[in-house]
């Protein structure tokens, strides 16, 4: 066990010293009784015969007591060792689960460092989504049967939905006798036993933990208390990780545009440069600056200027992939990281962004609408480009070169 001192490999090391002490004590009593018998005349007198009989009885009693004591100790030892192993395991599990605040890290360590210790290798965690108003699968490692399909459940739907709605666990000895158990489109016909326990935090159900086993009757009633304890640990960890993720997101995001801020962008850029180098992939950076933005602020006010910035962020999101990383770099400047993107693809994306921004119209009242443009600069590099560390500076320089040539221009280069 990690952090434990398991010298003998047993929970309770064998201490046979009690046997020696027990034997010596009885031998001392027998010796004293026999000596008293001899002093009183041995077998030639009545007191001697009596004490000799007492000595014989004590010897028999010692043998019987020794056997009974040995059996009692052995009978008590096994359940005590089992209880101590369980407590050690649950202590390790709680330490592991409580030791991370990163949601991705939590789900990464669950299979090997938590569930495997409890002999559970096939499980699924579903959490309730307020947006979807359904239970959404968050984690589902599957051994040799392939990836389980993503699916959602409404509260009260199926076994897991009922567990979530009622807060009561469910154990199905054989799922073939239960019509409410889903086989995930025929992909989980290997499952025979099923257990589901609610995940609750602060008196409110937040999801369910589902356990699968290929043999029927695999989950006995003695498993349920352990799963309840595990579910309580997981619930607290998931809630804490969610709060940490929210705080981290707020710290990384610009409050107006909800894009990454300047500091987070530089952290992401360092990560993507390293990743591109490690996996031998190209990458690109786009920089853009709104044209005549100060005039918009001066003429229509900063509230209108804020609306313009929010619309630009929306235009960026409409023309970027999920893997792309957009940020408000500062003021009216925006930056984008394009992982695994070569120069020709970057050129297409940059042109689309510039066009998309120029097509935005903002109503400023009195039946008037304003439009605006952005000057764009971009740079792409391969995994081993000598100047790849200067990719942001190069894109920024090209952005200003474009601005000097006139509003709405786009310039790019391969490093």
Protein backbone atom coordinates (compact mmCIF):
# COMPACT_ATOMS: atom_id res chain seq x y z
CA UNK A 1 0.00 0.00 0.00
CA UNK A 2 1.32 3.47 -0.79
CA UNK A 3 2.59 5.22 2.24
CA UNK A 4 2.12 2.14 4.44
CA UNK A 5 4.59 -0.05 6.27
CA UNK A 6 3.69 -3.55 5.15
CA UNK A 7 6.69 -5.37 6.54
CA UNK A 8 5.24 -8.84 6.70
CA UNK A 9 2.70 -8.57 3.89
CA UNK A 10 -0.10 -9.14 6.44
CA UNK A 11 -2.44 -6.77 8.20
CA UNK A 12 -1.70 -8.42 11.54
CA UNK A 13 1.84 -9.87 11.67
CA UNK A 14 2.11 -13.27 13.31
CA UNK A 15 3.00 -12.83 16.95
CA UNK A 16 3.54 -16.34 18.30
CA UNK A 17 5.09 -15.05 21.52
CA UNK A 18 1.75 -15.42 23.34
CA UNK A 19 1.95 -19.18 22.85
CA UNK A 20 5.34 -19.32 24.55
CA UNK A 21 4.14 -17.17 27.41
CA UNK A 22 0.97 -19.23 27.78
CA UNK A 23 2.94 -22.49 27.86
CA UNK A 24 5.49 -21.17 30.37
CA UNK A 25 2.74 -19.93 32.67
CA UNK A 26 1.00 -23.29 32.72
CA UNK A 27 4.32 -25.11 33.15
CA UNK A 28 5.04 -22.90 36.17
CA UNK A 29 1.65 -23.70 37.69
CA UNK A 30 2.12 -27.43 37.04
CA UNK A 31 5.62 -27.35 38.54
CA UNK A 32 4.42 -25.62 41.70
CA UNK A 33 1.51 -28.05 42.03
CA UNK A 34 3.77 -31.08 41.54
CA UNK A 35 6.33 -29.71 44.04
CA UNK A 36 3.59 -29.19 46.62
CA UNK A 37 2.39 -32.76 46.03
CA UNK A 38 5.90 -34.15 46.68
CA UNK A 39 6.35 -32.04 49.81
CA UNK A 40 3.10 -33.46 51.15
CA UNK A 41 4.23 -37.05 50.57
CA UNK A 42 3.45 -37.65 46.90
CA UNK A 43 1.09 -40.56 46.23
CA UNK A 44 1.57 -41.99 49.74
CA UNK A 45 -0.69 -39.41 51.36
CA UNK A 46 -4.18 -38.15 50.58
CA UNK A 47 -3.13 -34.49 50.13
CA UNK A 48 -0.34 -35.56 47.78
CA UNK A 49 -2.71 -37.65 45.68
CA UNK A 50 -5.18 -34.74 45.59
CA UNK A 51 -2.54 -32.27 44.40
CA UNK A 52 -1.31 -34.77 41.80
CA UNK A 53 -4.86 -35.00 40.49
CA UNK A 54 -5.06 -31.22 40.45
CA UNK A 55 -1.82 -31.10 38.45
CA UNK A 56 -3.20 -33.58 35.91
CA UNK A 57 -6.42 -31.58 35.63
CA UNK A 58 -4.50 -28.35 35.14
CA UNK A 59 -2.48 -29.98 32.37
CA UNK A 60 -5.65 -31.08 30.57
CA UNK A 61 -7.22 -27.68 31.08
CA UNK A 62 -4.11 -26.03 29.66
CA UNK A 63 -4.26 -28.15 26.50
CA UNK A 64 -7.98 -27.50 25.98
CA UNK A 65 -7.61 -23.75 26.68
CA UNK A 66 -4.71 -23.49 24.26
CA UNK A 67 -6.71 -25.13 21.45
CA UNK A 68 -9.82 -23.00 22.09
CA UNK A 69 -7.79 -19.79 22.31
CA UNK A 70 -6.02 -20.59 19.04
CA UNK A 71 -9.33 -21.21 17.27
CA UNK A 72 -10.86 -18.00 18.66
CA UNK A 73 -7.90 -15.91 17.52
CA UNK A 74 -7.90 -17.41 14.02
CA UNK A 75 -11.66 -16.94 13.70
CA UNK A 76 -11.40 -13.27 14.72
CA UNK A 77 -8.25 -12.56 12.72
CA UNK A 78 -9.69 -12.99 9.19
CA UNK A 79 -12.60 -10.50 9.49
CA UNK A 80 -10.38 -8.01 11.31
CA UNK A 81 -7.78 -8.21 8.56
CA UNK A 82 -10.53 -7.77 5.95
CA UNK A 83 -11.88 -4.71 7.77
CA UNK A 84 -8.43 -3.14 8.06
CA UNK A 85 -7.70 -3.77 4.36
CA UNK A 86 -11.04 -2.15 3.47
CA UNK A 87 -10.30 0.88 5.65
CA UNK A 88 -6.83 1.22 4.14
CA UNK A 89 -8.22 1.00 0.62
CA UNK A 90 -10.96 3.56 1.26
CA UNK A 91 -8.44 5.88 2.93
CA UNK A 92 -6.20 5.64 -0.15
CA UNK A 93 -9.17 6.18 -2.46
CA UNK A 94 -10.33 9.26 -0.54
CA UNK A 95 -6.81 10.67 -0.58
CA UNK A 96 -6.48 10.17 -4.34
CA UNK A 97 -9.93 11.56 -5.13
CA UNK A 98 -9.53 14.57 -2.87
CA UNK A 99 -6.03 15.26 -4.16
CA UNK A 100 -7.01 16.84 -7.48
CA UNK A 101 -9.11 19.86 -8.44
CA UNK A 102 -8.68 19.47 -12.19
CA UNK A 103 -11.75 17.75 -13.75
CA UNK A 104 -9.69 16.19 -16.56
CA UNK A 105 -7.12 14.89 -14.08
CA UNK A 106 -9.86 13.48 -11.86
CA UNK A 107 -11.38 11.43 -14.67
CA UNK A 108 -7.92 10.35 -15.83
CA UNK A 109 -6.91 8.83 -12.48
CA UNK A 110 -10.27 7.22 -11.72
CA UNK A 111 -9.78 3.89 -13.55
CA UNK A 112 -6.35 2.88 -12.27
CA UNK A 113 -5.94 4.64 -8.95
CA UNK A 114 -9.50 4.42 -7.65
CA UNK A 115 -11.79 1.88 -9.31
CA UNK A 116 -9.12 -0.77 -9.93
CA UNK A 117 -8.29 -0.80 -6.21
CA UNK A 118 -11.89 -1.79 -5.57
CA UNK A 119 -11.88 -4.42 -8.30
CA UNK A 120 -14.13 -2.35 -10.59
CA UNK A 121 -12.92 -1.93 -14.15
CA UNK A 122 -16.16 -1.32 -16.02
CA UNK A 123 -18.13 1.71 -14.92
CA UNK A 124 -19.77 4.91 -16.09
CA UNK A 125 -20.29 8.31 -14.48
CA UNK A 126 -23.21 10.45 -15.59
CA UNK A 127 -23.80 14.01 -14.38
CA UNK A 128 -26.91 16.13 -14.63
CA UNK A 129 -26.68 18.98 -17.12
CA UNK A 130 -28.84 22.00 -16.30
CA UNK A 131 -28.62 23.16 -19.92
CA UNK A 132 -29.74 19.85 -21.43
CA UNK A 133 -31.92 18.92 -18.43
CA UNK A 134 -30.63 15.38 -18.82
CA UNK A 135 -27.98 13.07 -17.41
CA UNK A 136 -24.90 13.27 -19.62
CA UNK A 137 -22.13 10.67 -19.74
CA UNK A 138 -18.86 12.05 -18.39
CA UNK A 139 -16.65 8.99 -18.17
CA UNK A 140 -16.93 5.40 -19.35
CA UNK A 141 -13.78 3.27 -19.69
CA UNK A 142 -14.47 0.00 -21.43
CA UNK A 143 -12.03 -2.88 -21.75
CA UNK A 144 -12.18 -5.10 -24.82
CA UNK A 145 -15.65 -4.23 -26.05
CA UNK A 146 -14.72 -0.91 -27.63
CA UNK A 147 -15.86 2.59 -26.86
CA UNK A 148 -19.38 2.84 -25.50
CA UNK A 149 -21.61 5.22 -27.44
CA UNK A 150 -22.45 8.56 -25.94
CA UNK A 151 -25.99 8.76 -24.64
CA UNK A 152 -28.14 10.85 -22.30
CA UNK A 153 -30.95 10.01 -19.92
CA UNK A 154 -33.86 12.04 -18.64
CA UNK A 155 -34.44 11.97 -14.87
CA UNK A 156 -36.65 8.96 -14.20
CA UNK A 157 -35.72 7.24 -17.48
CA UNK A 158 -34.35 3.72 -17.20
CA UNK A 159 -32.66 2.33 -14.09
CA UNK A 160 -30.05 5.10 -13.78
CA UNK A 161 -32.63 7.84 -14.37
CA UNK A 162 -34.80 6.42 -11.58
CA UNK A 163 -31.82 6.23 -9.23
CA UNK A 164 -31.06 9.88 -9.95
CA UNK A 165 -34.68 10.96 -9.47
CA UNK A 166 -35.30 8.99 -6.26
CA UNK A 167 -31.82 9.02 -4.70
CA UNK A 168 -32.16 5.28 -4.00
CA UNK A 169 -29.46 2.85 -5.31
CA UNK A 170 -30.35 -0.07 -7.54
CA UNK A 171 -28.76 -3.50 -7.93
CA UNK A 172 -29.78 -5.85 -10.74
CA UNK A 173 -28.44 -9.43 -10.36
CA UNK A 174 -29.15 -10.21 -14.03
CA UNK A 175 -29.92 -7.43 -16.51
CA UNK A 176 -31.49 -9.89 -18.97
CA UNK A 177 -34.47 -10.00 -16.65
CA UNK A 178 -34.74 -6.20 -16.49
CA UNK A 179 -36.40 -4.39 -19.44
CA UNK A 180 -35.28 -0.97 -18.10
CA UNK A 181 -31.59 -1.75 -18.59
CA UNK A 182 -30.20 -0.29 -21.87
CA UNK A 183 -27.79 -2.40 -23.91
CA UNK A 184 -26.51 0.69 -25.76
CA UNK A 185 -27.67 -0.36 -29.18
CA UNK A 186 -26.54 -3.95 -28.70
CA UNK A 187 -22.96 -2.97 -27.83
CA UNK A 188 -23.16 -4.02 -24.18
CA UNK A 189 -24.65 -7.49 -24.42
CA UNK A 190 -21.68 -8.63 -22.34
CA UNK A 191 -23.16 -7.02 -19.21
CA UNK A 192 -25.04 -9.29 -16.80
CA UNK A 193 -24.80 -7.59 -13.39
CA UNK A 194 -25.52 -3.91 -12.83
CA UNK A 195 -25.36 -1.57 -9.86
CA UNK A 196 -26.16 2.14 -9.77
CA UNK A 197 -25.74 4.58 -6.88
CA UNK A 198 -26.61 8.29 -6.79
CA UNK A 199 -23.97 11.00 -6.65
CA UNK A 200 -25.17 13.64 -4.21
CA UNK A 201 -23.65 16.87 -2.94
CA UNK A 202 -25.09 19.30 -0.41
CA UNK A 203 -28.29 17.29 -0.23
CA UNK A 204 -28.85 17.41 -3.98
CA UNK A 205 -28.35 14.66 -6.56
CA UNK A 206 -25.80 15.66 -9.21
CA UNK A 207 -25.47 12.37 -11.12
CA UNK A 208 -25.04 8.60 -10.87
CA UNK A 209 -22.23 6.04 -10.70
CA UNK A 210 -22.98 2.92 -12.75
CA UNK A 211 -21.13 -0.40 -12.38
CA UNK A 212 -21.15 -3.28 -14.86
CA UNK A 213 -20.01 -6.91 -14.65
CA UNK A 214 -20.05 -9.74 -17.23
CA UNK A 215 -21.20 -12.36 -14.68
CA UNK A 216 -24.67 -12.52 -13.09
CA UNK A 217 -25.01 -11.94 -9.34
CA UNK A 218 -21.61 -10.23 -9.21
CA UNK A 219 -22.71 -7.40 -6.92
CA UNK A 220 -23.87 -8.64 -3.55
CA UNK A 221 -25.56 -6.50 -0.88
CA UNK A 222 -22.23 -6.22 0.95
CA UNK A 223 -20.90 -4.14 -1.98
CA UNK A 224 -23.50 -1.40 -1.56
CA UNK A 225 -22.06 0.34 1.56
CA UNK A 226 -18.67 0.57 -0.15
CA UNK A 227 -20.24 2.09 -3.26
CA UNK A 228 -22.15 4.60 -1.16
CA UNK A 229 -18.93 5.73 0.50
CA UNK A 230 -17.15 5.91 -2.88
CA UNK A 231 -20.07 7.87 -4.35
CA UNK A 232 -19.84 10.42 -1.54
CA UNK A 233 -16.10 10.87 -2.19
CA UNK A 234 -16.68 11.24 -5.93
CA UNK A 235 -19.53 13.70 -5.45
CA UNK A 236 -17.43 16.01 -3.32
CA UNK A 237 -14.47 15.74 -5.71
CA UNK A 238 -16.64 16.42 -8.78
CA UNK A 239 -18.26 19.44 -7.14
CA UNK A 240 -14.89 20.82 -6.04
CA UNK A 241 -13.40 20.22 -9.50
CA UNK A 242 -16.37 21.97 -11.08
CA UNK A 243 -15.94 25.00 -8.84
CA UNK A 244 -12.21 25.03 -9.53
CA UNK A 245 -12.88 24.82 -13.27
CA UNK A 246 -15.32 27.71 -13.04
CA UNK A 247 -12.89 29.89 -11.10
CA UNK A 248 -10.08 28.96 -13.48
CA UNK A 249 -12.26 29.78 -16.47
CA UNK A 250 -13.19 33.16 -15.00
CA UNK A 251 -9.51 33.88 -14.39
CA UNK A 252 -8.57 32.91 -17.94
CA UNK A 253 -11.43 34.58 -19.81
CA UNK A 254 -12.08 38.17 -20.76
CA UNK A 255 -15.27 39.26 -19.01
CA UNK A 256 -16.66 41.14 -22.03
CA UNK A 257 -16.00 38.78 -24.93
CA UNK A 258 -15.66 35.47 -23.01
CA UNK A 259 -12.53 34.78 -25.06
CA UNK A 260 -9.21 33.92 -23.42
CA UNK A 261 -7.37 36.89 -21.97
CA UNK A 262 -3.79 38.04 -22.66
CA UNK A 263 -2.12 35.89 -19.98
CA UNK A 264 -4.04 32.73 -20.83
CA UNK A 265 -3.27 33.20 -24.53
CA UNK A 266 0.47 33.17 -23.90
CA UNK A 267 0.14 30.01 -21.78
CA UNK A 268 -1.84 28.31 -24.55
CA UNK A 269 0.66 29.45 -27.18
CA UNK A 270 3.58 27.89 -25.28
CA UNK A 271 1.64 24.63 -24.98
CA UNK A 272 0.71 24.53 -28.67
CA UNK A 273 4.26 25.33 -29.81
CA UNK A 274 5.55 22.43 -27.71
CA UNK A 275 2.81 20.12 -28.96
CA UNK A 276 3.46 21.01 -32.60
CA UNK A 277 7.16 20.28 -32.12
CA UNK A 278 6.54 16.97 -30.33
CA UNK A 279 4.02 15.61 -32.82
CA UNK A 280 5.67 17.11 -35.93
CA UNK A 281 2.71 19.27 -36.87
CA UNK A 282 2.41 22.78 -38.37
CA UNK A 283 0.61 25.58 -36.55
CA UNK A 284 -0.32 29.20 -37.15
CA UNK A 285 -1.17 32.42 -35.32
CA UNK A 286 -3.53 35.17 -36.49
CA UNK A 287 -3.49 38.71 -35.10
CA UNK A 288 -6.16 41.28 -35.92
CA UNK A 289 -6.84 44.86 -34.91
CA UNK A 290 -10.09 46.76 -35.48
CA UNK A 291 -9.78 49.72 -37.85
CA UNK A 292 -10.80 53.16 -36.53
CA UNK A 293 -12.14 51.68 -33.31
CA UNK A 294 -11.26 54.82 -31.35
CA UNK A 295 -13.53 56.84 -33.64
CA UNK A 296 -16.42 54.47 -32.86
CA UNK A 297 -15.84 54.94 -29.13
CA UNK A 298 -15.55 58.71 -29.46
CA UNK A 299 -18.64 59.09 -31.61
CA UNK A 300 -21.03 56.49 -30.19
CA UNK A 301 -19.66 55.91 -26.69
CA UNK A 302 -17.87 53.09 -24.94
CA UNK A 303 -21.06 51.05 -24.54
CA UNK A 304 -21.32 50.83 -28.32
CA UNK A 305 -17.61 50.06 -28.46
CA UNK A 306 -18.15 47.15 -26.07
CA UNK A 307 -20.94 45.85 -28.29
CA UNK A 308 -18.58 45.99 -31.26
CA UNK A 309 -15.96 43.96 -29.39
CA UNK A 310 -18.57 41.35 -28.43
CA UNK A 311 -19.73 41.09 -32.06
CA UNK A 312 -16.14 40.62 -33.24
CA UNK A 313 -15.75 37.78 -30.74
CA UNK A 314 -18.91 36.23 -32.15
CA UNK A 315 -17.60 36.57 -35.69
CA UNK A 316 -14.36 34.82 -34.66
CA UNK A 317 -16.28 31.95 -33.11
CA UNK A 318 -18.36 31.54 -36.26
CA UNK A 319 -15.28 30.99 -38.42
CA UNK A 320 -13.07 28.93 -36.10
CA UNK A 321 -12.91 25.24 -35.24
CA UNK A 322 -13.38 23.83 -31.75
CA UNK A 323 -9.65 23.17 -31.54
CA UNK A 324 -8.73 26.78 -32.35
CA UNK A 325 -7.94 29.16 -29.50
CA UNK A 326 -9.19 32.76 -29.69
CA UNK A 327 -8.28 35.55 -27.28
CA UNK A 328 -8.84 39.21 -26.71
CA UNK A 329 -5.19 40.20 -26.73
CA UNK A 330 -5.78 43.71 -25.46
CA UNK A 331 -8.02 46.67 -26.24
CA UNK A 332 -9.34 46.11 -29.76
CA UNK A 333 -6.70 43.50 -30.66
CA UNK A 334 -7.55 39.82 -31.00
CA UNK A 335 -5.30 36.78 -31.41
CA UNK A 336 -5.98 33.23 -32.59
CA UNK A 337 -3.94 30.03 -32.38
CA UNK A 338 -4.60 27.49 -35.13
CA UNK A 339 -3.17 24.07 -34.17
CA UNK A 340 -2.18 21.70 -36.97
CA UNK A 341 -2.79 24.34 -39.65
CA UNK A 342 -0.50 25.07 -42.60
CA UNK A 343 -0.09 28.36 -44.47
CA UNK A 344 -2.72 27.78 -47.16
CA UNK A 345 -5.41 26.78 -44.65
CA UNK A 346 -4.50 29.71 -42.43
CA UNK A 347 -4.88 32.10 -45.37
CA UNK A 348 -8.42 30.81 -46.01
CA UNK A 349 -9.40 31.18 -42.34
CA UNK A 350 -7.87 34.69 -42.08
CA UNK A 351 -9.75 35.88 -45.18
CA UNK A 352 -13.02 34.45 -43.85
CA UNK A 353 -12.52 36.18 -40.50
CA UNK A 354 -11.81 39.53 -42.15
CA UNK A 355 -14.84 39.16 -44.42
CA UNK A 356 -17.06 38.00 -41.57
CA UNK A 357 -16.18 41.04 -39.46
CA UNK A 358 -16.76 43.44 -42.36
CA UNK A 359 -20.25 41.98 -42.88
CA UNK A 360 -21.34 42.68 -39.28
CA UNK A 361 -23.85 45.50 -38.83
CA UNK A 362 -24.58 47.16 -35.50
CA UNK A 363 -27.76 49.17 -34.92
CA UNK A 364 -26.89 52.42 -33.13
CA UNK A 365 -30.38 53.90 -33.11
CA UNK A 366 -32.25 56.43 -35.22
CA UNK A 367 -32.46 53.78 -37.96
CA UNK A 368 -28.72 53.84 -38.37
CA UNK A 369 -26.30 50.93 -38.44
CA UNK A 370 -22.52 50.96 -38.43
CA UNK A 371 -20.04 48.53 -39.90
CA UNK A 372 -16.35 48.07 -39.20
CA UNK A 373 -13.31 46.21 -40.48
CA UNK A 374 -10.19 44.60 -39.06
CA UNK A 375 -6.61 44.49 -40.30
CA UNK A 376 -5.26 40.94 -40.14
CA UNK A 377 -1.77 39.48 -40.01
CA UNK A 378 -0.90 35.80 -39.77
CA UNK A 379 2.12 33.52 -39.67
CA UNK A 380 2.46 29.75 -40.03
CA UNK A 381 5.39 27.56 -39.05
CA UNK A 382 6.41 23.92 -39.30
CA UNK A 383 7.47 21.89 -36.27
CA UNK A 384 11.15 22.70 -36.83
CA UNK A 385 11.05 26.24 -38.24
CA UNK A 386 14.05 28.21 -36.86
CA UNK A 387 11.94 31.27 -36.06
CA UNK A 388 8.89 29.43 -34.67
CA UNK A 389 9.37 31.09 -31.28
CA UNK A 390 8.77 34.46 -32.95
CA UNK A 391 5.50 33.44 -34.59
CA UNK A 392 3.36 35.81 -32.52
CA UNK A 393 5.69 38.74 -33.07
CA UNK A 394 5.73 38.01 -36.83
CA UNK A 395 1.92 37.89 -37.05
CA UNK A 396 1.69 41.13 -35.04
CA UNK A 397 4.16 42.88 -37.36
CA UNK A 398 2.22 41.74 -40.44
CA UNK A 399 -1.02 42.99 -38.87
CA UNK A 400 0.44 46.51 -38.58
CA UNK A 401 1.87 46.29 -42.10
CA UNK A 402 -1.62 45.42 -43.31
CA UNK A 403 -3.15 48.32 -41.37
CA UNK A 404 -0.71 50.75 -42.98
CA UNK A 405 -1.80 49.57 -46.41
CA UNK A 406 -5.45 50.32 -45.67
CA UNK A 407 -8.40 49.06 -43.59
CA UNK A 408 -9.54 45.44 -43.85
CA UNK A 409 -6.30 44.07 -45.32
CA UNK A 410 -4.84 40.61 -44.77
CA UNK A 411 -1.14 39.71 -44.84
CA UNK A 412 0.57 36.43 -44.05
CA UNK A 413 3.88 34.56 -44.21
CA UNK A 414 5.43 31.16 -43.71
CA UNK A 415 8.21 31.22 -41.12
